[in-house]
Amino acid sequence: MRYLTSDSTDIRRNLAVETYLMEHADLTEPILYFYINSPCIIVGRYQNVLAEINQQYVRDHQIILTRRTSGGGAVYDDLGNVSFSFITRDDGDAVGNFKRFTDPVIKALHQMGATGAAMTGRNDLTIDGQKFSGNAMHVEQGRMFSHGTLMYDVDQTQIANALNVPADKLATKGIKSVKSRVTNLRPYFEPKYQHLTIEAFRDTLAKEILGVTDLAAARRYQLTATDRQGIQQLVDQYFNNWDWIYGSDPDYAVTRRKHFAAGTVEFDLNVVQGHIAAIQIHGDFFGQRPITEVTDRLQGIAYTPAAIQAVFAQLDVASYFGKIPAAALVQLLAEQPQDA
């Protein structure tokens, strides 16, 4: 088995490396790949972003948001987490067999003192009934990866805030995350493993899994200049691309409603591939011109703050909504993801 650690803490690049290796690397033997991410949220391939995250909190705290190619639920990562990935060929006994890939990880955690760590359910790793790792797979043309998170010392207040979805009215066909009690591994380790840097934790895991006492003895996978160019193309095409992150949302309907001093406004809209496919506006506000002139302008645009702002900037808002400020209306309707 060859071994690779990422030199980046940007989740978008780290996912691109994983995807590139799955698609292009020589997989006559597996690659064990580790990466550490700055604060980020990764939603599953079939999820609706709006239903998973607190948009305002994520923006205010500059948490990177992206979508992975594998299924499963949304996860929060920061510099207290290590992610691992086994990149290999599908030999007919790999797809859905999470145990095959998590067993070496669990064995390593046991060696560090977390003897209660175990796989529960289909793809979660838990200890004392609390989850510290979620796992997912992606398979393509006989090649695959199985990846997972390992919470060593993650800021759990960030998890609660970033993944605490405000109670908006939302109807979606997306796969909803299952909320679980989570915990960090550090308190369960033997004392000598409780104060490691995140890099030292990663390296300790790697040595245990690879069966070496010094990583200098491990066979490294070296990225070439061609590899790096291909990885950047994947970053641009997918993991930092608005159309991939938000345009891949399953179709959904959302209602935004607020009472202002000058009246109540309700926006009811259907969103398809990240664009407003249909919208209706209701309320007891005092407008003089037909509100359909506003809905006609909004229909078909990308459901982003920038696109909505551009429409309202061209309207005589007072003639449609009376004394309700234009900025307040944009904020109400545009409580959505920012442009990538």
C-alpha atoms as a PDB file:
ATOM      1  CA  MET A   1       0.000   0.000   0.000  1.00  0.00           C
ATOM      2  CA  ARG A   2       1.295   3.452  -0.923  1.00  0.00           C
ATOM      3  CA  TYR A   3       0.834   6.506   1.264  1.00  0.00           C
ATOM      4  CA  LEU A   4       0.047  10.170   0.603  1.00  0.00           C
ATOM      5  CA  THR A   5      -0.578  13.147   2.866  1.00  0.00           C
ATOM      6  CA  SER A   6      -2.040  16.363   1.504  1.00  0.00           C
ATOM      7  CA  ASP A   7       0.015  19.543   1.620  1.00  0.00           C
ATOM      8  CA  SER A   8      -3.177  21.641   1.652  1.00  0.00           C
ATOM      9  CA  THR A   9      -5.878  22.330   4.251  1.00  0.00           C
ATOM     10  CA  ASP A  10      -8.407  23.411   1.614  1.00  0.00           C
ATOM     11  CA  ILE A  11     -11.170  20.801   1.423  1.00  0.00           C
ATOM     12  CA  ARG A  12     -11.816  21.606  -2.228  1.00  0.00           C
ATOM     13  CA  ARG A  13      -8.298  20.687  -3.262  1.00  0.00           C
ATOM     14  CA  ASN A  14      -8.188  17.694  -0.940  1.00  0.00           C
ATOM     15  CA  LEU A  15     -11.332  16.222  -2.457  1.00  0.00           C
ATOM     16  CA  ALA A  16      -9.981  16.934  -5.929  1.00  0.00           C
ATOM     17  CA  VAL A  17      -6.789  14.994  -5.131  1.00  0.00           C
ATOM     18  CA  GLU A  18      -8.864  12.026  -4.016  1.00  0.00           C
ATOM     19  CA  THR A  19     -11.048  12.105  -7.115  1.00  0.00           C
ATOM     20  CA  TYR A  20      -8.082  12.518  -9.432  1.00  0.00           C
ATOM     21  CA  LEU A  21      -6.246   9.566  -7.921  1.00  0.00           C
ATOM     22  CA  MET A  22      -9.334   7.385  -8.169  1.00  0.00           C
ATOM     23  CA  GLU A  23      -9.698   8.264 -11.844  1.00  0.00           C
ATOM     24  CA  HIS A  24      -6.058   8.303 -12.980  1.00  0.00           C
ATOM     25  CA  ALA A  25      -3.614   6.692 -10.538  1.00  0.00           C
ATOM     26  CA  ASP A  26      -2.076   3.274 -11.037  1.00  0.00           C
ATOM     27  CA  LEU A  27      -4.169   1.259  -8.602  1.00  0.00           C
ATOM     28  CA  THR A  28      -2.398  -2.072  -8.872  1.00  0.00           C
ATOM     29  CA  GLU A  29      -2.066  -1.515  -5.135  1.00  0.00           C
ATOM     30  CA  PRO A  30      -4.207   0.749  -2.906  1.00  0.00           C
ATOM     31  CA  ILE A  31      -3.315   4.281  -1.888  1.00  0.00           C
ATOM     32  CA  LEU A  32      -3.841   5.424   1.708  1.00  0.00           C
ATOM     33  CA  TYR A  33      -4.513   9.161   1.628  1.00  0.00           C
ATOM     34  CA  PHE A  34      -4.762  11.504   4.635  1.00  0.00           C
ATOM     35  CA  TYR A  35      -5.893  15.133   4.638  1.00  0.00           C
ATOM     36  CA  ILE A  36      -6.610  17.808   7.244  1.00  0.00           C
ATOM     37  CA  ASN A  37      -9.054  20.628   6.523  1.00  0.00           C
ATOM     38  CA  SER A  38      -9.533  24.178   7.694  1.00  0.00           C
ATOM     39  CA  PRO A  39     -13.144  24.822   8.857  1.00  0.00           C
ATOM     40  CA  CYS A  40     -15.506  23.500   6.204  1.00  0.00           C
ATOM     41  CA  ILE A  41     -18.777  21.724   5.573  1.00  0.00           C
ATOM     42  CA  ILE A  42     -19.020  18.918   3.052  1.00  0.00           C
ATOM     43  CA  VAL A  43     -22.518  17.961   1.945  1.00  0.00           C
ATOM     44  CA  GLY A  44     -23.267  14.596   0.406  1.00  0.00           C
ATOM     45  CA  ARG A  45     -23.769  14.229  -3.323  1.00  0.00           C
ATOM     46  CA  TYR A  46     -27.560  13.884  -3.126  1.00  0.00           C
ATOM     47  CA  GLN A  47     -28.282  16.451  -0.415  1.00  0.00           C
ATOM     48  CA  ASN A  48     -29.908  19.853  -0.514  1.00  0.00           C
ATOM     49  CA  VAL A  49     -27.510  22.491   0.813  1.00  0.00           C
ATOM     50  CA  LEU A  50     -30.299  24.697   2.148  1.00  0.00           C
ATOM     51  CA  ALA A  51     -31.676  21.860   4.269  1.00  0.00           C
ATOM     52  CA  GLU A  52     -28.301  21.057   5.829  1.00  0.00           C
ATOM     53  CA  ILE A  53     -26.553  24.211   6.942  1.00  0.00           C
ATOM     54  CA  ASN A  54     -27.086  27.512   8.694  1.00  0.00           C
ATOM     55  CA  GLN A  55     -26.296  29.720   5.714  1.00  0.00           C
ATOM     56  CA  GLN A  56     -25.811  32.940   7.662  1.00  0.00           C
ATOM     57  CA  TYR A  57     -23.531  31.353  10.249  1.00  0.00           C
ATOM     58  CA  VAL A  58     -21.431  29.660   7.593  1.00  0.00           C
ATOM     59  CA  ARG A  59     -20.965  32.944   5.727  1.00  0.00           C
ATOM     60  CA  ASP A  60     -20.254  34.989   8.852  1.00  0.00           C
ATOM     61  CA  HIS A  61     -17.580  32.535  10.011  1.00  0.00           C
ATOM     62  CA  GLN A  62     -16.061  32.039   6.541  1.00  0.00           C
ATOM     63  CA  ILE A  63     -16.575  28.292   6.633  1.00  0.00           C
ATOM     64  CA  ILE A  64     -15.805  26.720   3.271  1.00  0.00           C
ATOM     65  CA  LEU A  65     -18.738  24.845   1.755  1.00  0.00           C
ATOM     66  CA  THR A  66     -18.477  22.184  -0.913  1.00  0.00           C
ATOM     67  CA  ARG A  67     -20.162  19.052  -2.170  1.00  0.00           C
ATOM     68  CA  ARG A  68     -18.410  15.691  -2.429  1.00  0.00           C
ATOM     69  CA  THR A  69     -18.962  13.000  -5.030  1.00  0.00           C
ATOM     70  CA  SER A  70     -19.893  10.354  -2.456  1.00  0.00           C
ATOM     71  CA  GLY A  71     -23.278  10.016  -0.787  1.00  0.00           C
ATOM     72  CA  GLY A  72     -24.177  10.262   2.886  1.00  0.00           C
ATOM     73  CA  GLY A  73     -24.805  13.221   5.145  1.00  0.00           C
ATOM     74  CA  ALA A  74     -23.279  16.618   5.770  1.00  0.00           C
ATOM     75  CA  VAL A  75     -20.176  16.816   7.969  1.00  0.00           C
ATOM     76  CA  TYR A  76     -18.251  19.657   9.576  1.00  0.00           C
ATOM     77  CA  ASP A  77     -14.452  19.489   9.569  1.00  0.00           C
ATOM     78  CA  ASP A  78     -11.805  21.727  11.077  1.00  0.00           C
ATOM     79  CA  LEU A  79      -8.132  21.523  12.005  1.00  0.00           C
ATOM     80  CA  GLY A  80      -8.999  19.115  14.834  1.00  0.00           C
ATOM     81  CA  ASN A  81     -10.092  16.430  12.381  1.00  0.00           C
ATOM     82  CA  VAL A  82      -8.169  13.979  10.209  1.00  0.00           C
ATOM     83  CA  SER A  83      -9.796  12.506   7.124  1.00  0.00           C
ATOM     84  CA  PHE A  84      -8.612   9.229   5.625  1.00  0.00           C
ATOM     85  CA  SER A  85      -9.273   7.626   2.264  1.00  0.00           C
ATOM     86  CA  PHE A  86      -8.513   4.217   0.820  1.00  0.00           C
ATOM     87  CA  ILE A  87      -8.288   4.558  -2.958  1.00  0.00           C
ATOM     88  CA  THR A  88      -8.365   1.226  -4.753  1.00  0.00           C
ATOM     89  CA  ARG A  89      -9.877  -0.935  -7.437  1.00  0.00           C
ATOM     90  CA  ASP A  90     -13.269  -2.521  -6.889  1.00  0.00           C
ATOM     91  CA  ASP A  91     -12.437  -6.203  -6.626  1.00  0.00           C
ATOM     92  CA  GLY A  92     -16.048  -7.279  -6.208  1.00  0.00           C
ATOM     93  CA  ASP A  93     -15.937  -7.278  -2.404  1.00  0.00           C
ATOM     94  CA  ALA A  94     -15.513  -3.574  -1.732  1.00  0.00           C
ATOM     95  CA  VAL A  95     -18.688  -1.682  -2.612  1.00  0.00           C
ATOM     96  CA  GLY A  96     -20.760  -1.211   0.525  1.00  0.00           C
ATOM     97  CA  ASN A  97     -18.202  -3.101   2.599  1.00  0.00           C
ATOM     98  CA  PHE A  98     -17.278  -0.276   4.957  1.00  0.00           C
ATOM     99  CA  LYS A  99     -15.951  -2.720   7.527  1.00  0.00           C
ATOM    100  CA  ARG A 100     -13.164  -3.727   5.181  1.00  0.00           C
ATOM    101  CA  PHE A 101     -11.809  -0.172   5.191  1.00  0.00           C
ATOM    102  CA  THR A 102     -12.626   0.901   8.732  1.00  0.00           C
ATOM    103  CA  ASP A 103     -11.192  -2.188  10.474  1.00  0.00           C
ATOM    104  CA  PRO A 104      -7.560  -1.030  10.021  1.00  0.00           C
ATOM    105  CA  VAL A 105      -8.516   2.383  11.394  1.00  0.00           C
ATOM    106  CA  ILE A 106     -10.307   0.931  14.405  1.00  0.00           C
ATOM    107  CA  LYS A 107      -7.349  -1.330  15.121  1.00  0.00           C
ATOM    108  CA  ALA A 108      -5.053   1.705  15.101  1.00  0.00           C
ATOM    109  CA  LEU A 109      -7.361   3.597  17.472  1.00  0.00           C
ATOM    110  CA  HIS A 110      -7.399   0.611  19.822  1.00  0.00           C
ATOM    111  CA  GLN A 111      -3.602   0.670  19.870  1.00  0.00           C
ATOM    112  CA  MET A 112      -3.795   4.300  21.004  1.00  0.00           C
ATOM    113  CA  GLY A 113      -6.113   3.419  23.866  1.00  0.00           C
ATOM    114  CA  ALA A 114      -9.584   3.996  22.427  1.00  0.00           C
ATOM    115  CA  THR A 115     -10.510   0.358  22.902  1.00  0.00           C
ATOM    116  CA  GLY A 116     -14.242   1.076  22.815  1.00  0.00           C
ATOM    117  CA  ALA A 117     -14.113   2.354  19.256  1.00  0.00           C
ATOM    118  CA  ALA A 118     -16.301   0.241  16.980  1.00  0.00           C
ATOM    119  CA  MET A 119     -18.304   0.317  13.814  1.00  0.00           C
ATOM    120  CA  THR A 120     -22.048   0.645  14.351  1.00  0.00           C
ATOM    121  CA  GLY A 121     -24.808   0.652  11.808  1.00  0.00           C
ATOM    122  CA  ARG A 122     -23.766   0.711   8.200  1.00  0.00           C
ATOM    123  CA  ASN A 123     -20.996   3.296   8.126  1.00  0.00           C
ATOM    124  CA  ASP A 124     -20.461   5.108  11.448  1.00  0.00           C
ATOM    125  CA  LEU A 125     -17.646   4.692  13.965  1.00  0.00           C
ATOM    126  CA  THR A 126     -18.675   5.300  17.565  1.00  0.00           C
ATOM    127  CA  ILE A 127     -17.426   5.119  21.107  1.00  0.00           C
ATOM    128  CA  ASP A 128     -19.655   5.066  24.200  1.00  0.00           C
ATOM    129  CA  GLY A 129     -22.628   5.475  21.886  1.00  0.00           C
ATOM    130  CA  GLN A 130     -21.303   8.688  20.345  1.00  0.00           C
ATOM    131  CA  LYS A 131     -20.171   9.155  16.781  1.00  0.00           C
ATOM    132  CA  PHE A 132     -16.630  10.266  15.942  1.00  0.00           C
ATOM    133  CA  SER A 133     -16.465   9.207  12.298  1.00  0.00           C
ATOM    134  CA  GLY A 134     -18.754   9.133   9.295  1.00  0.00           C
ATOM    135  CA  ASN A 135     -17.804   7.140   6.203  1.00  0.00           C
ATOM    136  CA  ALA A 136     -18.854   7.166   2.561  1.00  0.00           C
ATOM    137  CA  MET A 137     -17.846   5.602  -0.762  1.00  0.00           C
ATOM    138  CA  HIS A 138     -17.700   6.507  -4.419  1.00  0.00           C
ATOM    139  CA  VAL A 139     -17.349   3.930  -7.208  1.00  0.00           C
ATOM    140  CA  GLU A 140     -16.704   4.650 -10.858  1.00  0.00           C
ATOM    141  CA  GLN A 141     -15.703   2.275 -13.669  1.00  0.00           C
ATOM    142  CA  GLY A 142     -14.262  -0.368 -11.385  1.00  0.00           C
ATOM    143  CA  ARG A 143     -12.287   2.132  -9.311  1.00  0.00           C
ATOM    144  CA  MET A 144     -13.316   3.566  -5.953  1.00  0.00           C
ATOM    145  CA  PHE A 145     -12.488   5.263  -2.714  1.00  0.00           C
ATOM    146  CA  SER A 146     -13.825   4.787   0.802  1.00  0.00           C
ATOM    147  CA  HIS A 147     -13.256   7.802   3.000  1.00  0.00           C
ATOM    148  CA  GLY A 148     -14.084   8.912   6.514  1.00  0.00           C
ATOM    149  CA  THR A 149     -13.523  11.536   9.184  1.00  0.00           C
ATOM    150  CA  LEU A 150     -11.821  11.142  12.570  1.00  0.00           C
ATOM    151  CA  MET A 151     -12.688  13.735  15.197  1.00  0.00           C
ATOM    152  CA  TYR A 152      -9.616  14.165  17.384  1.00  0.00           C
ATOM    153  CA  ASP A 153     -10.242  17.635  18.818  1.00  0.00           C
ATOM    154  CA  VAL A 154     -12.946  19.280  16.703  1.00  0.00           C
ATOM    155  CA  ASP A 155     -14.717  22.434  17.946  1.00  0.00           C
ATOM    156  CA  GLN A 156     -18.123  20.927  18.638  1.00  0.00           C
ATOM    157  CA  THR A 157     -19.793  24.299  19.153  1.00  0.00           C
ATOM    158  CA  GLN A 158     -19.103  25.005  15.502  1.00  0.00           C
ATOM    159  CA  ILE A 159     -20.805  21.761  14.514  1.00  0.00           C
ATOM    160  CA  ALA A 160     -23.919  22.686  16.454  1.00  0.00           C
ATOM    161  CA  ASN A 161     -24.084  26.187  15.007  1.00  0.00           C
ATOM    162  CA  ALA A 162     -23.073  25.526  11.403  1.00  0.00           C
ATOM    163  CA  LEU A 163     -25.323  22.493  10.946  1.00  0.00           C
ATOM    164  CA  ASN A 164     -28.265  23.911  12.889  1.00  0.00           C
ATOM    165  CA  VAL A 165     -30.690  24.707  10.083  1.00  0.00           C
ATOM    166  CA  PRO A 166     -33.064  27.624  10.770  1.00  0.00           C
ATOM    167  CA  ALA A 167     -36.729  26.673  10.814  1.00  0.00           C
ATOM    168  CA  ASP A 168     -37.678  27.830   7.338  1.00  0.00           C
ATOM    169  CA  LYS A 169     -40.470  26.141   5.451  1.00  0.00           C
ATOM    170  CA  LEU A 170     -38.681  23.819   3.036  1.00  0.00           C
ATOM    171  CA  ALA A 171     -39.835  20.847   1.013  1.00  0.00           C
ATOM    172  CA  THR A 172     -37.067  18.870  -0.669  1.00  0.00           C
ATOM    173  CA  LYS A 173     -36.366  15.413  -2.023  1.00  0.00           C
ATOM    174  CA  GLY A 174     -32.746  15.594  -0.918  1.00  0.00           C
ATOM    175  CA  ILE A 175     -31.252  13.026   1.448  1.00  0.00           C
ATOM    176  CA  LYS A 176     -31.429  14.510   4.951  1.00  0.00           C
ATOM    177  CA  SER A 177     -28.579  14.039   7.400  1.00  0.00           C
ATOM    178  CA  VAL A 178     -29.267  11.931  10.458  1.00  0.00           C
ATOM    179  CA  LYS A 179     -28.366  13.902  13.559  1.00  0.00           C
ATOM    180  CA  SER A 180     -26.136  12.002  15.963  1.00  0.00           C
ATOM    181  CA  ARG A 181     -24.411  12.698  19.245  1.00  0.00           C
ATOM    182  CA  VAL A 182     -20.771  13.272  18.452  1.00  0.00           C
ATOM    183  CA  THR A 183     -17.562  13.173  20.449  1.00  0.00           C
ATOM    184  CA  ASN A 184     -13.854  13.716  20.069  1.00  0.00           C
ATOM    185  CA  LEU A 185     -11.442  10.810  20.376  1.00  0.00           C
ATOM    186  CA  ARG A 186      -8.744  12.548  22.355  1.00  0.00           C
ATOM    187  CA  PRO A 187     -10.180  11.924  25.865  1.00  0.00           C
ATOM    188  CA  TYR A 188     -10.358   8.180  25.135  1.00  0.00           C
ATOM    189  CA  PHE A 189      -6.690   7.781  24.258  1.00  0.00           C
ATOM    190  CA  GLU A 190      -3.855   6.870  26.552  1.00  0.00           C
ATOM    191  CA  PRO A 191      -2.257   9.980  28.098  1.00  0.00           C
ATOM    192  CA  LYS A 192       0.675  10.023  25.681  1.00  0.00           C
ATOM    193  CA  TYR A 193      -1.751  10.380  22.765  1.00  0.00           C
ATOM    194  CA  GLN A 194      -3.997  13.038  24.308  1.00  0.00           C
ATOM    195  CA  HIS A 195      -1.889  16.083  23.503  1.00  0.00           C
ATOM    196  CA  LEU A 196      -0.686  15.404  19.990  1.00  0.00           C
ATOM    197  CA  THR A 197      -0.709  17.965  17.244  1.00  0.00           C
ATOM    198  CA  ILE A 198      -3.200  17.043  14.559  1.00  0.00           C
ATOM    199  CA  GLU A 199      -0.281  16.179  12.270  1.00  0.00           C
ATOM    200  CA  ALA A 200       1.210  13.894  14.917  1.00  0.00           C
ATOM    201  CA  PHE A 201      -2.154  12.184  15.330  1.00  0.00           C
ATOM    202  CA  ARG A 202      -2.339  11.662  11.574  1.00  0.00           C
ATOM    203  CA  ASP A 203       1.178  10.255  11.444  1.00  0.00           C
ATOM    204  CA  THR A 204       0.557   7.933  14.382  1.00  0.00           C
ATOM    205  CA  LEU A 205      -2.491   6.545  12.613  1.00  0.00           C
ATOM    206  CA  ALA A 206      -0.558   6.133   9.398  1.00  0.00           C
ATOM    207  CA  LYS A 207       2.248   4.187  11.077  1.00  0.00           C
ATOM    208  CA  GLU A 208      -0.223   1.854  12.773  1.00  0.00           C
ATOM    209  CA  ILE A 209      -2.183   1.200   9.580  1.00  0.00           C
ATOM    210  CA  LEU A 210       0.919   0.768   7.418  1.00  0.00           C
ATOM    211  CA  GLY A 211       2.717  -1.356   9.999  1.00  0.00           C
ATOM    212  CA  VAL A 212       5.867   0.781  10.155  1.00  0.00           C
ATOM    213  CA  THR A 213       7.637   2.463  13.064  1.00  0.00           C
ATOM    214  CA  ASP A 214       8.937   5.298  10.911  1.00  0.00           C
ATOM    215  CA  LEU A 215       7.068   6.850   7.999  1.00  0.00           C
ATOM    216  CA  ALA A 216      10.366   7.135   6.178  1.00  0.00           C
ATOM    217  CA  ALA A 217       9.946   3.417   5.577  1.00  0.00           C
ATOM    218  CA  ALA A 218       6.516   3.911   3.965  1.00  0.00           C
ATOM    219  CA  ARG A 219       6.253   3.981   0.199  1.00  0.00           C
ATOM    220  CA  ARG A 220       5.063   7.450  -0.705  1.00  0.00           C
ATOM    221  CA  TYR A 221       2.858   8.302  -3.645  1.00  0.00           C
ATOM    222  CA  GLN A 222       4.348  11.270  -5.466  1.00  0.00           C
ATOM    223  CA  LEU A 223       2.151  13.728  -7.340  1.00  0.00           C
ATOM    224  CA  THR A 224       3.564  14.875 -10.678  1.00  0.00           C
ATOM    225  CA  ALA A 225       3.157  18.245 -12.339  1.00  0.00           C
ATOM    226  CA  THR A 226       0.580  16.634 -14.628  1.00  0.00           C
ATOM    227  CA  ASP A 227      -1.281  15.320 -11.586  1.00  0.00           C
ATOM    228  CA  ARG A 228      -1.369  18.780 -10.021  1.00  0.00           C
ATOM    229  CA  GLN A 229      -2.705  20.322 -13.192  1.00  0.00           C
ATOM    230  CA  GLY A 230      -5.457  17.721 -13.381  1.00  0.00           C
ATOM    231  CA  ILE A 231      -6.299  18.246  -9.716  1.00  0.00           C
ATOM    232  CA  GLN A 232      -6.715  21.989 -10.223  1.00  0.00           C
ATOM    233  CA  GLN A 233      -9.034  21.329 -13.133  1.00  0.00           C
ATOM    234  CA  LEU A 234     -11.237  19.234 -10.833  1.00  0.00           C
ATOM    235  CA  VAL A 235     -11.234  22.010  -8.221  1.00  0.00           C
ATOM    236  CA  ASP A 236     -12.458  24.456 -10.843  1.00  0.00           C
ATOM    237  CA  GLN A 237     -14.931  22.077 -12.480  1.00  0.00           C
ATOM    238  CA  TYR A 238     -16.493  20.708  -9.317  1.00  0.00           C
ATOM    239  CA  PHE A 239     -15.440  21.500  -5.785  1.00  0.00           C
ATOM    240  CA  ASN A 240     -15.200  25.294  -6.140  1.00  0.00           C
ATOM    241  CA  ASN A 241     -17.934  25.559  -8.740  1.00  0.00           C
ATOM    242  CA  TRP A 242     -21.301  27.076  -7.783  1.00  0.00           C
ATOM    243  CA  ASP A 243     -23.134  24.886 -10.282  1.00  0.00           C
ATOM    244  CA  TRP A 244     -21.737  21.717  -8.697  1.00  0.00           C
ATOM    245  CA  ILE A 245     -22.245  22.795  -5.095  1.00  0.00           C
ATOM    246  CA  TYR A 246     -25.670  24.449  -5.366  1.00  0.00           C
ATOM    247  CA  GLY A 247     -26.897  23.649  -8.854  1.00  0.00           C
ATOM    248  CA  SER A 248     -26.706  19.953  -7.958  1.00  0.00           C
ATOM    249  CA  ASP A 249     -29.314  20.435  -5.223  1.00  0.00           C
ATOM    250  CA  PRO A 250     -32.388  18.280  -5.703  1.00  0.00           C
ATOM    251  CA  ASP A 251     -35.404  20.335  -6.734  1.00  0.00           C
ATOM    252  CA  TYR A 252     -37.072  21.958  -3.781  1.00  0.00           C
ATOM    253  CA  ALA A 253     -39.719  24.424  -2.679  1.00  0.00           C
ATOM    254  CA  VAL A 254     -39.113  27.078  -0.058  1.00  0.00           C
ATOM    255  CA  THR A 255     -41.178  29.761   1.628  1.00  0.00           C
ATOM    256  CA  ARG A 256     -39.709  32.990   2.990  1.00  0.00           C
ATOM    257  CA  ARG A 257     -42.117  35.089   5.068  1.00  0.00           C
ATOM    258  CA  LYS A 258     -41.626  38.132   7.268  1.00  0.00           C
ATOM    259  CA  HIS A 259     -43.772  40.818   8.888  1.00  0.00           C
ATOM    260  CA  PHE A 260     -42.495  44.354   8.364  1.00  0.00           C
ATOM    261  CA  ALA A 261     -43.938  47.563   9.810  1.00  0.00           C
ATOM    262  CA  ALA A 262     -45.325  48.334   6.354  1.00  0.00           C
ATOM    263  CA  GLY A 263     -46.819  44.895   5.784  1.00  0.00           C
ATOM    264  CA  THR A 264     -46.167  41.166   5.549  1.00  0.00           C
ATOM    265  CA  VAL A 265     -44.381  39.656   2.561  1.00  0.00           C
ATOM    266  CA  GLU A 266     -44.236  35.979   1.618  1.00  0.00           C
ATOM    267  CA  PHE A 267     -42.134  34.536  -1.184  1.00  0.00           C
ATOM    268  CA  ASP A 268     -43.083  31.018  -2.327  1.00  0.00           C
ATOM    269  CA  LEU A 269     -40.690  29.561  -4.845  1.00  0.00           C
ATOM    270  CA  ASN A 270     -39.608  26.378  -6.555  1.00  0.00           C
ATOM    271  CA  VAL A 271     -35.898  25.942  -7.198  1.00  0.00           C
ATOM    272  CA  VAL A 272     -34.621  23.624  -9.935  1.00  0.00           C
ATOM    273  CA  GLN A 273     -30.884  23.092 -10.481  1.00  0.00           C
ATOM    274  CA  GLY A 274     -30.135  26.150  -8.379  1.00  0.00           C
ATOM    275  CA  HIS A 275     -32.417  28.493 -10.362  1.00  0.00           C
ATOM    276  CA  ILE A 276     -35.832  29.968  -9.546  1.00  0.00           C
ATOM    277  CA  ALA A 277     -38.192  27.961 -11.723  1.00  0.00           C
ATOM    278  CA  ALA A 278     -41.390  29.482 -10.332  1.00  0.00           C
ATOM    279  CA  ILE A 279     -42.198  32.143  -7.756  1.00  0.00           C
ATOM    280  CA  GLN A 280     -45.264  33.727  -6.195  1.00  0.00           C
ATOM    281  CA  ILE A 281     -45.377  36.741  -3.898  1.00  0.00           C
ATOM    282  CA  HIS A 282     -48.130  37.213  -1.328  1.00  0.00           C
ATOM    283  CA  GLY A 283     -48.801  39.651   1.503  1.00  0.00           C
ATOM    284  CA  ASP A 284     -50.740  42.628   2.798  1.00  0.00           C
ATOM    285  CA  PHE A 285     -48.239  45.261   1.676  1.00  0.00           C
ATOM    286  CA  PHE A 286     -49.407  48.291  -0.289  1.00  0.00           C
ATOM    287  CA  GLY A 287     -48.178  48.233  -3.869  1.00  0.00           C
ATOM    288  CA  GLN A 288     -49.475  50.087  -6.914  1.00  0.00           C
ATOM    289  CA  ARG A 289     -48.131  48.026  -9.809  1.00  0.00           C
ATOM    290  CA  PRO A 290     -48.853  44.343 -10.607  1.00  0.00           C
ATOM    291  CA  ILE A 291     -46.611  42.077  -8.530  1.00  0.00           C
ATOM    292  CA  THR A 292     -46.373  39.712 -11.501  1.00  0.00           C
ATOM    293  CA  GLU A 293     -43.925  42.201 -13.012  1.00  0.00           C
ATOM    294  CA  VAL A 294     -41.557  41.329 -10.163  1.00  0.00           C
ATOM    295  CA  THR A 295     -42.099  37.582 -10.373  1.00  0.00           C
ATOM    296  CA  ASP A 296     -41.524  37.662 -14.123  1.00  0.00           C
ATOM    297  CA  ARG A 297     -38.136  39.298 -13.555  1.00  0.00           C
ATOM    298  CA  LEU A 298     -37.143  36.802 -10.862  1.00  0.00           C
ATOM    299  CA  GLN A 299     -38.197  33.656 -12.651  1.00  0.00           C
ATOM    300  CA  GLY A 300     -35.285  31.821 -14.233  1.00  0.00           C
ATOM    301  CA  ILE A 301     -32.451  33.586 -12.405  1.00  0.00           C
ATOM    302  CA  ALA A 302     -29.889  31.779 -10.255  1.00  0.00           C
ATOM    303  CA  TYR A 303     -31.035  31.589  -6.642  1.00  0.00           C
ATOM    304  CA  THR A 304     -28.127  33.625  -5.291  1.00  0.00           C
ATOM    305  CA  PRO A 305     -27.927  36.945  -3.429  1.00  0.00           C
ATOM    306  CA  ALA A 306     -26.040  38.564  -6.320  1.00  0.00           C
ATOM    307  CA  ALA A 307     -28.642  37.624  -8.922  1.00  0.00           C
ATOM    308  CA  ILE A 308     -31.568  38.668  -6.718  1.00  0.00           C
ATOM    309  CA  GLN A 309     -29.882  41.958  -5.843  1.00  0.00           C
ATOM    310  CA  ALA A 310     -29.339  42.669  -9.532  1.00  0.00           C
ATOM    311  CA  VAL A 311     -33.063  42.266 -10.248  1.00  0.00           C
ATOM    312  CA  PHE A 312     -34.204  44.463  -7.361  1.00  0.00           C
ATOM    313  CA  ALA A 313     -31.666  47.138  -8.301  1.00  0.00           C
ATOM    314  CA  GLN A 314     -33.553  47.591 -11.582  1.00  0.00           C
ATOM    315  CA  LEU A 315     -36.998  47.856  -9.971  1.00  0.00           C
ATOM    316  CA  ASP A 316     -38.916  50.791  -8.572  1.00  0.00           C
ATOM    317  CA  VAL A 317     -39.430  48.738  -5.419  1.00  0.00           C
ATOM    318  CA  ALA A 318     -41.748  51.212  -3.695  1.00  0.00           C
ATOM    319  CA  SER A 319     -44.285  50.927  -6.494  1.00  0.00           C
ATOM    320  CA  TYR A 320     -44.599  47.197  -5.813  1.00  0.00           C
ATOM    321  CA  PHE A 321     -44.016  46.877  -2.055  1.00  0.00           C
ATOM    322  CA  GLY A 322     -44.859  50.297  -0.648  1.00  0.00           C
ATOM    323  CA  LYS A 323     -42.616  51.431   2.200  1.00  0.00           C
ATOM    324  CA  ILE A 324     -40.855  48.080   2.708  1.00  0.00           C
ATOM    325  CA  PRO A 325     -37.151  48.757   2.023  1.00  0.00           C
ATOM    326  CA  ALA A 326     -35.636  47.077  -0.996  1.00  0.00           C
ATOM    327  CA  ALA A 327     -32.628  45.881   1.007  1.00  0.00           C
ATOM    328  CA  ALA A 328     -34.912  44.112   3.487  1.00  0.00           C
ATOM    329  CA  LEU A 329     -36.763  42.333   0.699  1.00  0.00           C
ATOM    330  CA  VAL A 330     -33.532  41.186  -0.922  1.00  0.00           C
ATOM    331  CA  GLN A 331     -32.267  39.927   2.421  1.00  0.00           C
ATOM    332  CA  LEU A 332     -35.483  37.994   3.029  1.00  0.00           C
ATOM    333  CA  LEU A 333     -35.573  36.350  -0.378  1.00  0.00           C
ATOM    334  CA  ALA A 334     -31.830  35.934  -0.732  1.00  0.00           C
ATOM    335  CA  GLU A 335     -31.109  34.069   2.504  1.00  0.00           C
ATOM    336  CA  GLN A 336     -29.237  31.649   0.353  1.00  0.00           C
ATOM    337  CA  PRO A 337     -25.709  30.522  -0.440  1.00  0.00           C
ATOM    338  CA  GLN A 338     -23.261  33.081  -1.722  1.00  0.00           C
ATOM    339  CA  ASP A 339     -21.709  32.804  -5.133  1.00  0.00           C
ATOM    340  CA  ALA A 340     -18.645  30.597  -5.135  1.00  0.00           C
END
